[in-house]
C-alpha atoms as a PDB file:
ATOM      1  CA  MET A   1       0.000   0.000   0.000  1.00  0.00           C
ATOM      2  CA  ALA A   2       1.118   3.517  -0.713  1.00  0.00           C
ATOM      3  CA  SER A   3       1.213   6.019   2.108  1.00  0.00           C
ATOM      4  CA  VAL A   4      -0.439   9.275   0.974  1.00  0.00           C
ATOM      5  CA  HIS A   5       0.393  12.512   2.799  1.00  0.00           C
ATOM      6  CA  PHE A   6      -1.270  15.922   2.580  1.00  0.00           C
ATOM      7  CA  THR A   7      -0.211  19.492   3.254  1.00  0.00           C
ATOM      8  CA  TYR A   8      -2.210  21.704   5.589  1.00  0.00           C
ATOM      9  CA  ALA A   9      -3.905  23.404   2.622  1.00  0.00           C
ATOM     10  CA  LEU A  10      -5.869  20.200   2.003  1.00  0.00           C
ATOM     11  CA  ARG A  11      -6.077  18.903   5.564  1.00  0.00           C
ATOM     12  CA  ARG A  12      -7.935  22.006   6.715  1.00  0.00           C
ATOM     13  CA  PHE A  13     -10.974  20.837   4.708  1.00  0.00           C
ATOM     14  CA  TYR A  14     -10.707  17.303   6.118  1.00  0.00           C
ATOM     15  CA  PRO A  15      -9.814  17.651   9.817  1.00  0.00           C
ATOM     16  CA  GLY A  16      -7.722  14.879  11.280  1.00  0.00           C
ATOM     17  CA  LEU A  17      -6.421  13.719   7.902  1.00  0.00           C
ATOM     18  CA  ALA A  18      -2.620  13.688   7.905  1.00  0.00           C
ATOM     19  CA  SER A  19      -1.933  10.549   5.896  1.00  0.00           C
ATOM     20  CA  ILE A  20      -3.778   7.493   4.637  1.00  0.00           C
ATOM     21  CA  GLU A  21      -2.803   4.093   3.260  1.00  0.00           C
ATOM     22  CA  ILE A  22      -4.176   3.327  -0.220  1.00  0.00           C
ATOM     23  CA  GLU A  23      -3.821   0.289  -2.467  1.00  0.00           C
ATOM     24  CA  ALA A  24      -3.409   1.663  -6.003  1.00  0.00           C
ATOM     25  CA  ASP A  25      -1.287   1.211  -9.110  1.00  0.00           C
ATOM     26  CA  THR A  26      -1.454   4.788 -10.448  1.00  0.00           C
ATOM     27  CA  VAL A  27      -1.830   8.324  -9.149  1.00  0.00           C
ATOM     28  CA  SER A  28      -5.216   8.491 -10.872  1.00  0.00           C
ATOM     29  CA  GLU A  29      -6.444   5.528  -8.815  1.00  0.00           C
ATOM     30  CA  ILE A  30      -5.253   7.240  -5.644  1.00  0.00           C
ATOM     31  CA  VAL A  31      -7.235  10.401  -6.468  1.00  0.00           C
ATOM     32  CA  SER A  32     -10.348   8.328  -7.233  1.00  0.00           C
ATOM     33  CA  GLN A  33     -10.094   6.399  -3.979  1.00  0.00           C
ATOM     34  CA  LEU A  34      -9.519   9.590  -2.019  1.00  0.00           C
ATOM     35  CA  ASP A  35     -12.691  11.061  -3.483  1.00  0.00           C
ATOM     36  CA  GLU A  36     -14.658   7.949  -2.525  1.00  0.00           C
ATOM     37  CA  SER A  37     -13.452   8.139   1.081  1.00  0.00           C
ATOM     38  CA  TYR A  38     -13.478  11.943   1.303  1.00  0.00           C
ATOM     39  CA  PRO A  39     -16.184  13.250  -1.054  1.00  0.00           C
ATOM     40  CA  GLY A  40     -15.177  16.404  -2.886  1.00  0.00           C
ATOM     41  CA  MET A  41     -11.444  16.025  -2.279  1.00  0.00           C
ATOM     42  CA  SER A  42     -10.690  15.450  -5.954  1.00  0.00           C
ATOM     43  CA  ASP A  43     -12.120  18.901  -6.718  1.00  0.00           C
ATOM     44  CA  TYR A  44      -9.144  20.381  -4.882  1.00  0.00           C
ATOM     45  CA  ILE A  45      -6.673  18.157  -6.740  1.00  0.00           C
ATOM     46  CA  VAL A  46      -7.896  17.851 -10.347  1.00  0.00           C
ATOM     47  CA  ASP A  47      -9.911  19.992 -12.730  1.00  0.00           C
ATOM     48  CA  GLU A  48     -13.123  19.040 -14.558  1.00  0.00           C
ATOM     49  CA  ARG A  49     -11.113  17.055 -17.168  1.00  0.00           C
ATOM     50  CA  GLY A  50      -9.248  15.078 -14.516  1.00  0.00           C
ATOM     51  CA  ALA A  51      -5.948  16.912 -15.060  1.00  0.00           C
ATOM     52  CA  LEU A  52      -3.892  18.036 -12.087  1.00  0.00           C
ATOM     53  CA  ARG A  53      -4.778  21.584 -11.074  1.00  0.00           C
ATOM     54  CA  GLU A  54      -2.176  24.239 -11.846  1.00  0.00           C
ATOM     55  CA  HIS A  55      -1.218  24.913  -8.230  1.00  0.00           C
ATOM     56  CA  VAL A  56      -1.145  21.286  -7.107  1.00  0.00           C
ATOM     57  CA  ASN A  57       1.892  19.025  -7.192  1.00  0.00           C
ATOM     58  CA  ILE A  58       2.066  15.326  -6.476  1.00  0.00           C
ATOM     59  CA  PHE A  59       5.291  13.551  -5.646  1.00  0.00           C
ATOM     60  CA  VAL A  60       5.873   9.806  -5.577  1.00  0.00           C
ATOM     61  CA  ASN A  61       8.719   9.456  -3.110  1.00  0.00           C
ATOM     62  CA  ASN A  62      10.862  12.479  -4.004  1.00  0.00           C
ATOM     63  CA  THR A  63       9.964  12.673  -7.690  1.00  0.00           C
ATOM     64  CA  ARG A  64       7.263  14.973  -9.058  1.00  0.00           C
ATOM     65  CA  ILE A  65       4.811  13.129 -11.299  1.00  0.00           C
ATOM     66  CA  LYS A  66       5.260  13.657 -15.031  1.00  0.00           C
ATOM     67  CA  ASP A  67       1.731  12.949 -16.288  1.00  0.00           C
ATOM     68  CA  ARG A  68      -0.256  15.967 -15.106  1.00  0.00           C
ATOM     69  CA  GLN A  69      -3.046  15.298 -17.657  1.00  0.00           C
ATOM     70  CA  ASN A  70      -4.036  11.681 -16.963  1.00  0.00           C
ATOM     71  CA  LEU A  71      -2.200  11.006 -13.668  1.00  0.00           C
ATOM     72  CA  GLY A  72      -0.908   7.758 -15.116  1.00  0.00           C
ATOM     73  CA  ASP A  73       2.333   7.711 -13.126  1.00  0.00           C
ATOM     74  CA  ARG A  74       2.857   4.333 -11.477  1.00  0.00           C
ATOM     75  CA  VAL A  75       2.758   3.909  -7.720  1.00  0.00           C
ATOM     76  CA  GLY A  76       4.464   0.895  -6.198  1.00  0.00           C
ATOM     77  CA  LYS A  77       3.868  -0.794  -2.891  1.00  0.00           C
ATOM     78  CA  ASN A  78       5.339   0.939   0.143  1.00  0.00           C
ATOM     79  CA  GLU A  79       5.885   4.216  -1.703  1.00  0.00           C
ATOM     80  CA  GLU A  80       5.298   7.652  -0.214  1.00  0.00           C
ATOM     81  CA  VAL A  81       2.923   9.936  -2.122  1.00  0.00           C
ATOM     82  CA  TYR A  82       2.751  13.630  -1.248  1.00  0.00           C
ATOM     83  CA  ILE A  83      -0.119  15.815  -2.434  1.00  0.00           C
ATOM     84  CA  MET A  84       0.729  19.486  -2.121  1.00  0.00           C
ATOM     85  CA  GLN A  85      -1.519  22.412  -2.858  1.00  0.00           C
ATOM     86  CA  ALA A  86       0.244  25.758  -3.151  1.00  0.00           C
ATOM     87  CA  LEU A  87      -1.191  28.761  -1.401  1.00  0.00           C
ATOM     88  CA  SER A  88      -1.271  32.057  -3.235  1.00  0.00           C
ATOM     89  CA  GLY A  89      -2.556  35.493  -2.605  1.00  0.00           C
ATOM     90  CA  GLY A  90      -1.301  38.749  -1.361  1.00  0.00           C
END
């Protein structure tokens, strides 16, 4: 199972969520499973076409995913996945 971690920007909408274990083969599967367990979470991560939002980055271990359109990057067992949403404003 992959261990999925979230920054505060996402955790504030889902109190108590720091990390979760998910069985998945791709980043896309992780996002789908997150949305099943935490309805609406995918809206913060992907746009209406399923592509990664502009100000969101996902890392598998220490490598940023390459497929921002389809989220097809592979996720192996025991890997660390980090979902980070940038904060902007002024």
